[in-house]
Amino acid sequence: MTRSVETTSSEDSELSLPAPKERRRLREAADLTHDEVAAAVGVTAATIRSWESGRTAPRGRKREAYTRFLADLAARPEPAGSSGTGEAEADAEAGSGARAGAAKAPQADPPTDPPAEPPGTPGPPGTAEHPAPVPVPTPVPVALVFADAVEGPADAFDALYVHAARDLARQAYLLTGRRALALEAVEKAFTQAWGRWPEVTADPDPVGWVRTIVYEYALSPWHRFRRAHRHPDQPPAEPADRILLDALLSLPAVHRRTVLLYDGVGLDLPDTAAETEATTPTAGNRLVHAHADLADRIPELADVPPEKQSALLRDLLTALQPAVELDPRPAAAVRGGGERRTRMWTRATLSLTAMIAVSTAYTLMTAPTRYEPPLAPGESVSGVPPLSGPQQLTERSRQLHDKLLADPEAGPARIAPRIE
């Protein structure tokens, strides 16, 4: 009974989004390009083309933002001159009143005039028949323009933290099964976001910017060597939640991340592939294999057709209740901790730079200014008698020595022999 109610609610949400041809007609009636709509919703232009062609459908917050954006376009009055031009073109192309009536029949709401062309036909934006571009409203939940809604960067960071920190902590817990690691990943990601805040504010999806860092840190293989994160936390109390979490943690890390982004967060397949740095077919294959592995371990998924497994898995992930509290620290504490860490590293860098400068100056002052060749090492010489000092004088040598010292006469006669 519960499953049927959930399916009905999802079908009702599908009805709230216009058909693909109506999405394209609303965009062309407002004279907007795919890039302008993508910038307003926070996705790529290729995703908007895929949504308008019906190949894929928006999910989660992107779906809500896209629905709100199209509702704003539908509520606007048609620009002046577009109605007459559209009727003329429709009559010229139709050639009969029956065809013109068929073209006007889908317009159930009379506030706007009939479209210039049949729905689904590409129009020439930017021509003289079309008026000037209309400013595009930016949905706040997707663009998250916190810098315009608050006074300074600190308030903008706090608003982003309050908006996304708890959800990201829950997602990191589903990826790892560890409370401490999940909270640490969220804090590390927001600390890095505060250090690179200008880049975050310029990003069309700040939550996605932070989410990427949370997932990368949480799934880092180096955590397995940490004693504090070696074992998972206490499993959930409900048996169904325990089975779901165990099955999710048994998947490979890349499959786990793809399933959480697509089924848990609600991203469409191109955005999921972009965030996991894979192609769209690769992301689709990962989802197929992951759903098959989960269906083997979760009885509820085994009884559901493959096309409905994604919706049921999303409901199961949303209803999962962890056995631990996932309350991140206050935004001011995270921001202050990041600033203190930055100041500490700055001081350490300055101190190291000063030590290097002092040691360099001391080396320059004490280094020799000329080349001094090193002393050659001693070598052993063989065949030379050892030095033993002067030899002992003989009697004759001693007499000669005394004579030389006592005789004051100089010259050769000094040592000339005398006849006595």
Protein backbone atom coordinates (compact mmCIF):
# COMPACT_ATOMS: atom_id res chain seq x y z
CA MET A 1 0.00 0.00 0.00
CA THR A 2 2.81 2.37 0.85
CA ARG A 3 4.56 1.64 -2.41
CA SER A 4 1.48 2.49 -4.46
CA VAL A 5 1.04 5.79 -2.64
CA GLU A 6 4.67 6.71 -3.31
CA THR A 7 4.28 5.83 -6.98
CA THR A 8 1.17 8.00 -7.22
CA SER A 9 2.96 10.96 -5.64
CA SER A 10 5.85 10.62 -8.11
CA GLU A 11 3.37 10.52 -11.00
CA ASP A 12 1.72 13.69 -9.70
CA SER A 13 5.09 15.42 -9.66
CA GLU A 14 5.62 14.29 -13.28
CA LEU A 15 2.34 15.97 -14.25
CA SER A 16 3.51 19.25 -12.75
CA LEU A 17 6.28 19.51 -15.37
CA PRO A 18 5.20 20.47 -18.91
CA ALA A 19 5.74 18.14 -21.81
CA PRO A 20 9.07 18.35 -23.67
CA LYS A 21 7.55 20.18 -26.64
CA GLU A 22 5.82 22.64 -24.31
CA ARG A 23 9.15 23.30 -22.56
CA ARG A 24 10.73 24.20 -25.86
CA ARG A 25 7.78 26.35 -26.88
CA LEU A 26 7.94 28.34 -23.65
CA ARG A 27 11.66 28.94 -24.09
CA GLU A 28 11.29 30.05 -27.70
CA ALA A 29 8.28 32.25 -26.87
CA ALA A 30 10.47 34.13 -24.38
CA ASP A 31 13.27 34.31 -26.98
CA LEU A 32 15.77 32.55 -24.69
CA THR A 33 18.68 30.38 -25.76
CA HIS A 34 19.67 27.06 -24.25
CA ASP A 35 22.66 28.72 -22.59
CA GLU A 36 20.48 31.34 -20.88
CA VAL A 37 18.07 28.72 -19.53
CA ALA A 38 21.00 26.54 -18.42
CA ALA A 39 22.56 29.47 -16.54
CA ALA A 40 19.27 30.17 -14.77
CA VAL A 41 18.65 26.56 -13.74
CA GLY A 42 22.28 25.72 -12.95
CA VAL A 43 22.93 22.98 -15.53
CA THR A 44 24.61 22.74 -18.91
CA ALA A 45 23.09 23.65 -22.25
CA ALA A 46 23.31 20.00 -23.35
CA THR A 47 21.13 19.04 -20.37
CA ILE A 48 18.47 21.59 -21.38
CA ARG A 49 18.45 20.17 -24.94
CA SER A 50 18.09 16.67 -23.53
CA TRP A 51 15.16 17.75 -21.34
CA GLU A 52 13.42 19.48 -24.25
CA SER A 53 13.86 16.49 -26.54
CA GLY A 54 12.50 14.08 -23.91
CA ARG A 55 15.60 11.88 -23.78
CA THR A 56 16.03 12.57 -20.07
CA ALA A 57 13.96 14.16 -17.32
CA PRO A 58 15.08 16.49 -14.53
CA ARG A 59 15.23 15.10 -11.02
CA GLY A 60 15.41 16.42 -7.47
CA ARG A 61 16.19 20.07 -6.95
CA LYS A 62 16.98 20.58 -10.62
CA ARG A 63 13.46 19.42 -11.41
CA GLU A 64 11.91 21.84 -8.93
CA ALA A 65 13.96 24.73 -10.27
CA TYR A 66 13.18 23.89 -13.89
CA THR A 67 9.46 23.56 -13.13
CA ARG A 68 9.45 26.92 -11.32
CA PHE A 69 11.35 28.51 -14.20
CA LEU A 70 8.88 27.24 -16.80
CA ALA A 71 5.97 28.35 -14.63
CA ASP A 72 7.42 31.86 -14.58
CA LEU A 73 7.73 31.79 -18.37
CA ALA A 74 4.14 30.55 -18.76
CA ALA A 75 2.82 33.28 -16.43
CA ARG A 76 4.34 36.07 -18.51
CA PRO A 77 2.26 37.85 -21.14
CA GLU A 78 3.34 37.36 -24.73
CA PRO A 79 5.55 40.23 -26.00
CA ALA A 80 3.84 42.83 -28.16
CA GLY A 81 3.85 42.00 -31.85
CA SER A 82 4.56 38.32 -31.41
CA SER A 83 0.88 37.36 -31.52
CA GLY A 84 0.20 39.00 -34.89
CA THR A 85 3.35 37.62 -36.40
CA GLY A 86 2.60 34.17 -35.06
CA GLU A 87 -0.93 34.17 -36.49
CA ALA A 88 0.34 35.28 -39.89
CA GLU A 89 2.98 32.58 -39.97
CA ALA A 90 0.53 29.96 -38.74
CA ASP A 91 -2.02 30.87 -41.40
CA ALA A 92 0.61 30.93 -44.13
CA GLU A 93 1.96 27.53 -43.14
CA ALA A 94 -1.37 25.89 -42.39
CA GLY A 95 -3.27 26.98 -45.50
CA SER A 96 -6.64 26.04 -43.97
CA GLY A 97 -8.74 26.92 -40.94
CA ALA A 98 -8.83 23.32 -39.77
CA ARG A 99 -5.05 23.14 -39.50
CA ALA A 100 -4.90 26.52 -37.75
CA GLY A 101 -7.55 25.32 -35.26
CA ALA A 102 -5.57 22.15 -34.65
CA ALA A 103 -2.49 24.23 -33.93
CA LYS A 104 -4.46 26.35 -31.44
CA ALA A 105 -6.22 23.46 -29.75
CA PRO A 106 -3.43 22.49 -27.28
CA GLN A 107 -3.53 26.00 -25.77
CA ALA A 108 -5.91 25.38 -22.87
CA ASP A 109 -4.88 28.51 -20.96
CA PRO A 110 -6.04 31.66 -22.80
CA PRO A 111 -3.73 34.25 -21.15
CA THR A 112 -1.22 33.86 -23.97
CA ASP A 113 -1.68 33.95 -27.74
CA PRO A 114 -1.13 30.89 -29.97
CA PRO A 115 2.52 30.12 -30.72
CA ALA A 116 4.07 31.39 -33.92
CA GLU A 117 4.98 27.85 -34.97
CA PRO A 118 3.69 24.36 -34.14
CA PRO A 119 5.14 22.99 -30.90
CA GLY A 120 8.42 21.20 -31.40
CA THR A 121 9.43 23.17 -34.53
CA PRO A 122 12.70 25.06 -34.00
CA GLY A 123 12.32 28.80 -34.40
CA PRO A 124 14.87 31.42 -35.51
CA PRO A 125 15.75 33.26 -32.28
CA GLY A 126 17.33 36.66 -32.64
CA THR A 127 15.51 37.65 -35.88
CA ALA A 128 13.77 40.94 -36.43
CA GLU A 129 10.34 39.43 -35.72
CA HIS A 130 11.28 38.58 -32.17
CA PRO A 131 11.45 41.27 -29.47
CA ALA A 132 14.44 42.00 -27.27
CA PRO A 133 15.47 39.25 -24.82
CA VAL A 134 13.54 39.17 -21.59
CA PRO A 135 15.53 39.05 -18.30
CA VAL A 136 15.73 35.50 -17.00
CA PRO A 137 14.59 34.93 -13.39
CA THR A 138 17.13 33.01 -11.33
CA PRO A 139 15.62 30.33 -9.05
CA VAL A 140 17.10 30.85 -5.62
CA PRO A 141 17.24 27.17 -4.49
CA VAL A 142 19.43 26.25 -7.47
CA ALA A 143 21.61 29.26 -8.15
CA LEU A 144 22.08 30.00 -4.43
CA VAL A 145 23.02 33.61 -4.95
CA PHE A 146 23.81 34.13 -1.29
CA ALA A 147 26.10 37.08 -1.92
CA ASP A 148 23.14 39.18 -3.12
CA ALA A 149 20.83 38.15 -0.27
CA VAL A 150 23.21 38.82 2.62
CA GLU A 151 25.51 41.60 3.68
CA GLY A 152 28.95 40.02 3.43
CA PRO A 153 30.92 36.88 2.54
CA ALA A 154 30.69 35.52 6.09
CA ASP A 155 26.89 35.67 6.09
CA ALA A 156 26.81 34.11 2.62
CA PHE A 157 29.02 31.25 3.78
CA ASP A 158 26.84 30.71 6.84
CA ALA A 159 23.72 30.63 4.66
CA LEU A 160 25.28 28.03 2.35
CA TYR A 161 26.45 25.97 5.32
CA VAL A 162 23.03 25.96 6.97
CA HIS A 163 21.43 25.10 3.64
CA ALA A 164 23.60 22.10 2.72
CA ALA A 165 25.79 20.90 5.63
CA ARG A 166 23.34 18.48 7.20
CA ASP A 167 22.32 16.90 3.88
CA LEU A 168 25.96 16.50 2.87
CA ALA A 169 26.76 14.88 6.22
CA ARG A 170 23.98 12.37 5.64
CA GLN A 171 25.24 11.64 2.13
CA ALA A 172 28.80 11.15 3.38
CA TYR A 173 27.46 8.77 6.03
CA LEU A 174 25.69 6.72 3.36
CA LEU A 175 28.97 6.57 1.43
CA THR A 176 31.14 5.47 4.37
CA GLY A 177 28.93 4.24 7.21
CA ARG A 178 31.04 6.27 9.67
CA ARG A 179 29.78 9.31 11.50
CA ALA A 180 33.15 10.83 12.39
CA LEU A 181 34.44 10.53 8.83
CA ALA A 182 31.25 12.01 7.40
CA LEU A 183 31.36 15.07 9.66
CA GLU A 184 35.09 15.46 9.05
CA ALA A 185 34.56 15.37 5.28
CA VAL A 186 31.87 18.05 5.48
CA GLU A 187 34.02 20.28 7.65
CA LYS A 188 37.06 19.86 5.39
CA ALA A 189 34.99 20.68 2.30
CA PHE A 190 33.45 23.82 3.78
CA THR A 191 36.82 24.94 5.13
CA GLN A 192 38.25 24.65 1.63
CA ALA A 193 35.20 26.44 0.25
CA TRP A 194 35.73 29.35 2.65
CA GLY A 195 39.38 29.56 1.60
CA ARG A 196 38.30 29.74 -2.06
CA TRP A 197 35.08 31.64 -1.55
CA PRO A 198 35.28 33.85 -4.68
CA GLU A 199 35.46 30.70 -6.81
CA VAL A 200 32.50 29.17 -4.96
CA THR A 201 30.30 32.24 -5.41
CA ALA A 202 31.07 32.29 -9.14
CA ASP A 203 30.04 28.65 -9.52
CA PRO A 204 26.44 28.15 -10.74
CA ASP A 205 25.97 25.29 -8.24
CA PRO A 206 27.85 26.01 -4.97
CA VAL A 207 26.33 22.95 -3.29
CA GLY A 208 27.68 20.75 -6.06
CA TRP A 209 31.10 22.38 -5.66
CA VAL A 210 31.20 21.48 -1.98
CA ARG A 211 29.60 18.07 -2.55
CA THR A 212 32.39 17.03 -4.91
CA ILE A 213 35.02 17.69 -2.23
CA VAL A 214 32.95 15.90 0.42
CA TYR A 215 32.68 12.78 -1.72
CA GLU A 216 36.36 12.81 -2.70
CA TYR A 217 37.49 13.13 0.91
CA ALA A 218 35.02 10.58 2.26
CA LEU A 219 35.96 7.96 -0.35
CA SER A 220 39.72 8.46 -0.07
CA PRO A 221 41.42 5.05 0.28
CA TRP A 222 43.93 6.43 2.78
CA HIS A 223 41.31 6.40 5.55
CA ARG A 224 41.61 2.65 5.81
CA PHE A 225 45.00 3.13 7.51
CA ARG A 226 43.53 5.34 10.23
CA ARG A 227 42.67 3.58 13.43
CA ALA A 228 39.71 5.84 14.19
CA HIS A 229 38.03 5.10 10.84
CA ARG A 230 38.94 1.46 10.44
CA HIS A 231 35.54 0.08 11.52
CA PRO A 232 32.01 1.35 10.73
CA ASP A 233 29.80 2.83 13.41
CA GLN A 234 26.79 1.21 15.00
CA PRO A 235 24.37 -0.01 12.28
CA PRO A 236 20.83 1.40 12.04
CA ALA A 237 18.21 0.02 14.38
CA GLU A 238 15.68 -0.93 11.71
CA PRO A 239 16.49 -4.21 9.92
CA ALA A 240 15.47 -2.78 6.54
CA ASP A 241 17.77 0.22 7.02
CA ARG A 242 20.58 -2.06 8.12
CA ILE A 243 20.19 -4.23 5.03
CA LEU A 244 20.11 -1.17 2.78
CA LEU A 245 23.22 0.38 4.31
CA ASP A 246 25.17 -2.90 4.20
CA ALA A 247 24.18 -3.42 0.57
CA LEU A 248 25.20 0.13 -0.30
CA LEU A 249 28.58 -0.20 1.43
CA SER A 250 29.24 -3.49 -0.36
CA LEU A 251 29.26 -1.72 -3.74
CA PRO A 252 32.50 -0.41 -5.25
CA ALA A 253 33.21 3.19 -4.37
CA VAL A 254 32.52 4.53 -7.86
CA HIS A 255 29.21 2.61 -8.10
CA ARG A 256 28.24 3.77 -4.63
CA ARG A 257 28.87 7.38 -5.56
CA THR A 258 26.93 7.09 -8.82
CA VAL A 259 23.92 5.52 -7.09
CA LEU A 260 23.88 8.16 -4.38
CA LEU A 261 24.06 11.03 -6.87
CA TYR A 262 21.42 9.64 -9.20
CA ASP A 263 19.01 7.96 -6.81
CA GLY A 264 19.73 9.81 -3.57
CA VAL A 265 20.49 13.39 -4.59
CA GLY A 266 18.32 13.25 -7.72
CA LEU A 267 20.75 14.38 -10.42
CA ASP A 268 20.04 13.40 -13.97
CA LEU A 269 22.34 11.05 -15.83
CA PRO A 270 24.48 13.68 -17.67
CA ASP A 271 25.09 15.63 -14.45
CA THR A 272 25.87 12.41 -12.58
CA ALA A 273 28.36 11.45 -15.27
CA ALA A 274 29.95 14.90 -15.16
CA GLU A 275 30.33 14.86 -11.38
CA THR A 276 31.85 11.37 -11.40
CA GLU A 277 34.17 12.34 -14.30
CA ALA A 278 32.75 9.70 -16.62
CA THR A 279 30.84 9.58 -19.87
CA THR A 280 27.07 9.29 -19.85
CA PRO A 281 27.05 5.68 -21.16
CA THR A 282 29.60 4.72 -18.52
CA ALA A 283 27.48 6.24 -15.76
CA GLY A 284 24.44 4.41 -17.12
CA ASN A 285 26.28 1.08 -17.10
CA ARG A 286 27.42 1.69 -13.54
CA LEU A 287 23.84 2.34 -12.49
CA VAL A 288 22.59 -0.83 -14.17
CA HIS A 289 25.22 -3.00 -12.46
CA ALA A 290 24.73 -1.26 -9.11
CA HIS A 291 20.96 -1.72 -9.23
CA ALA A 292 21.44 -5.38 -10.06
CA ASP A 293 23.79 -5.87 -7.11
CA LEU A 294 21.44 -4.02 -4.77
CA ALA A 295 18.45 -6.05 -5.98
CA ASP A 296 20.32 -9.24 -5.06
CA ARG A 297 20.78 -8.02 -1.48
CA ILE A 298 17.58 -6.01 -0.88
CA PRO A 299 14.33 -8.02 -1.13
CA GLU A 300 12.19 -4.95 -1.80
CA LEU A 301 14.13 -4.08 -4.94
CA ALA A 302 13.99 -7.64 -6.24
CA ASP A 303 10.18 -7.50 -6.44
CA VAL A 304 10.12 -4.24 -8.44
CA PRO A 305 10.57 -3.93 -12.22
CA PRO A 306 13.92 -2.43 -13.29
CA GLU A 307 12.33 0.79 -14.54
CA LYS A 308 10.86 1.46 -11.06
CA GLN A 309 13.89 0.47 -9.00
CA SER A 310 15.34 3.96 -9.12
CA ALA A 311 12.24 5.60 -7.61
CA LEU A 312 11.94 2.97 -4.89
CA LEU A 313 15.65 3.15 -4.07
CA ARG A 314 15.41 6.91 -3.72
CA ASP A 315 12.52 6.53 -1.27
CA LEU A 316 14.47 3.95 0.71
CA LEU A 317 17.54 6.17 0.91
CA THR A 318 15.41 9.11 2.02
CA ALA A 319 13.69 7.08 4.73
CA LEU A 320 16.90 5.54 6.13
CA GLN A 321 17.45 6.57 9.76
CA PRO A 322 21.09 6.38 10.97
CA ALA A 323 21.76 5.11 14.47
CA VAL A 324 24.04 8.11 15.17
CA GLU A 325 23.45 11.84 15.19
CA LEU A 326 24.74 13.72 12.14
CA ASP A 327 24.81 17.26 13.47
CA PRO A 328 27.66 19.31 11.97
CA ARG A 329 29.37 21.98 14.00
CA PRO A 330 28.07 25.56 13.75
CA ALA A 331 29.04 27.50 10.67
CA ALA A 332 30.95 30.10 12.68
CA ALA A 333 33.07 27.38 14.30
CA VAL A 334 33.95 25.84 10.92
CA ARG A 335 34.72 29.21 9.42
CA GLY A 336 36.77 30.26 12.45
CA GLY A 337 38.65 26.96 12.46
CA GLY A 338 39.56 27.45 8.82
CA GLU A 339 40.76 30.98 9.48
CA ARG A 340 42.87 29.85 12.45
CA ARG A 341 44.38 27.06 10.39
CA THR A 342 45.17 29.52 7.63
CA ARG A 343 46.81 31.93 10.08
CA MET A 344 48.83 29.09 11.59
CA TRP A 345 50.14 27.97 8.21
CA THR A 346 50.86 31.56 7.25
CA ARG A 347 52.89 32.12 10.40
CA ALA A 348 54.73 28.83 9.93
CA THR A 349 55.56 29.78 6.35
CA LEU A 350 56.79 33.21 7.41
CA SER A 351 58.90 31.70 10.20
CA LEU A 352 60.47 29.18 7.85
CA THR A 353 61.16 31.92 5.33
CA ALA A 354 62.82 34.04 8.02
CA MET A 355 64.98 31.11 9.15
CA ILE A 356 66.09 30.47 5.59
CA ALA A 357 66.91 34.17 5.12
CA VAL A 358 68.96 34.29 8.36
CA SER A 359 70.88 31.12 7.53
CA THR A 360 71.57 32.42 4.03
CA ALA A 361 72.89 35.74 5.40
CA TYR A 362 75.11 33.94 7.94
CA THR A 363 76.50 31.71 5.20
CA LEU A 364 77.31 34.70 3.01
CA MET A 365 79.10 36.46 5.87
CA THR A 366 81.20 33.48 6.96
CA ALA A 367 81.98 31.93 3.59
CA PRO A 368 85.59 32.41 2.29
CA THR A 369 86.12 35.07 -0.38
CA ARG A 370 89.05 33.33 -2.15
CA TYR A 371 89.91 29.85 -3.17
CA GLU A 372 91.96 27.88 -0.68
CA PRO A 373 93.18 24.59 -2.08
CA PRO A 374 92.83 21.72 0.29
CA LEU A 375 95.91 20.12 1.82
CA ALA A 376 97.07 17.03 0.04
CA PRO A 377 96.70 13.91 2.09
CA GLY A 378 99.88 12.31 3.41
CA GLU A 379 101.44 9.35 1.67
CA SER A 380 103.74 6.64 3.06
CA VAL A 381 107.27 6.51 1.51
CA SER A 382 109.40 3.38 1.71
CA GLY A 383 113.23 3.12 1.65
CA VAL A 384 113.97 6.27 3.69
CA PRO A 385 115.64 5.77 7.06
CA PRO A 386 113.75 7.20 9.92
CA LEU A 387 114.84 10.58 11.25
CA SER A 388 116.84 9.96 14.41
CA GLY A 389 118.40 13.39 15.04
CA PRO A 390 122.11 14.52 14.73
CA GLN A 391 124.87 11.96 14.97
CA GLN A 392 127.26 11.76 17.88
CA LEU A 393 130.49 13.84 17.31
CA THR A 394 133.77 12.07 17.24
CA GLU A 395 136.82 13.38 19.13
CA ARG A 396 138.26 14.91 16.00
CA SER A 397 134.98 16.56 15.08
CA ARG A 398 134.57 17.99 18.52
CA GLN A 399 138.07 19.54 18.46
CA LEU A 400 137.36 21.14 15.11
CA HIS A 401 134.08 22.48 16.41
CA ASP A 402 135.74 24.03 19.49
CA LYS A 403 138.47 25.57 17.37
CA LEU A 404 135.99 27.23 15.06
CA LEU A 405 134.16 28.72 17.99
CA ALA A 406 137.30 29.92 19.82
CA ASP A 407 139.40 31.30 16.93
CA PRO A 408 138.37 34.86 16.04
CA GLU A 409 140.29 34.83 12.78
CA ALA A 410 138.15 34.84 9.69
CA GLY A 411 138.80 33.65 6.24
CA PRO A 412 140.46 30.56 4.90
CA ALA A 413 143.37 30.89 7.33
CA ARG A 414 140.94 30.12 10.05
CA ILE A 415 140.97 26.49 9.24
CA ALA A 416 144.47 26.31 7.70
CA PRO A 417 146.67 23.80 9.47
CA ARG A 418 149.57 25.08 11.54
CA ILE A 419 152.90 23.58 12.06
CA GLU A 420 153.78 23.64 15.63
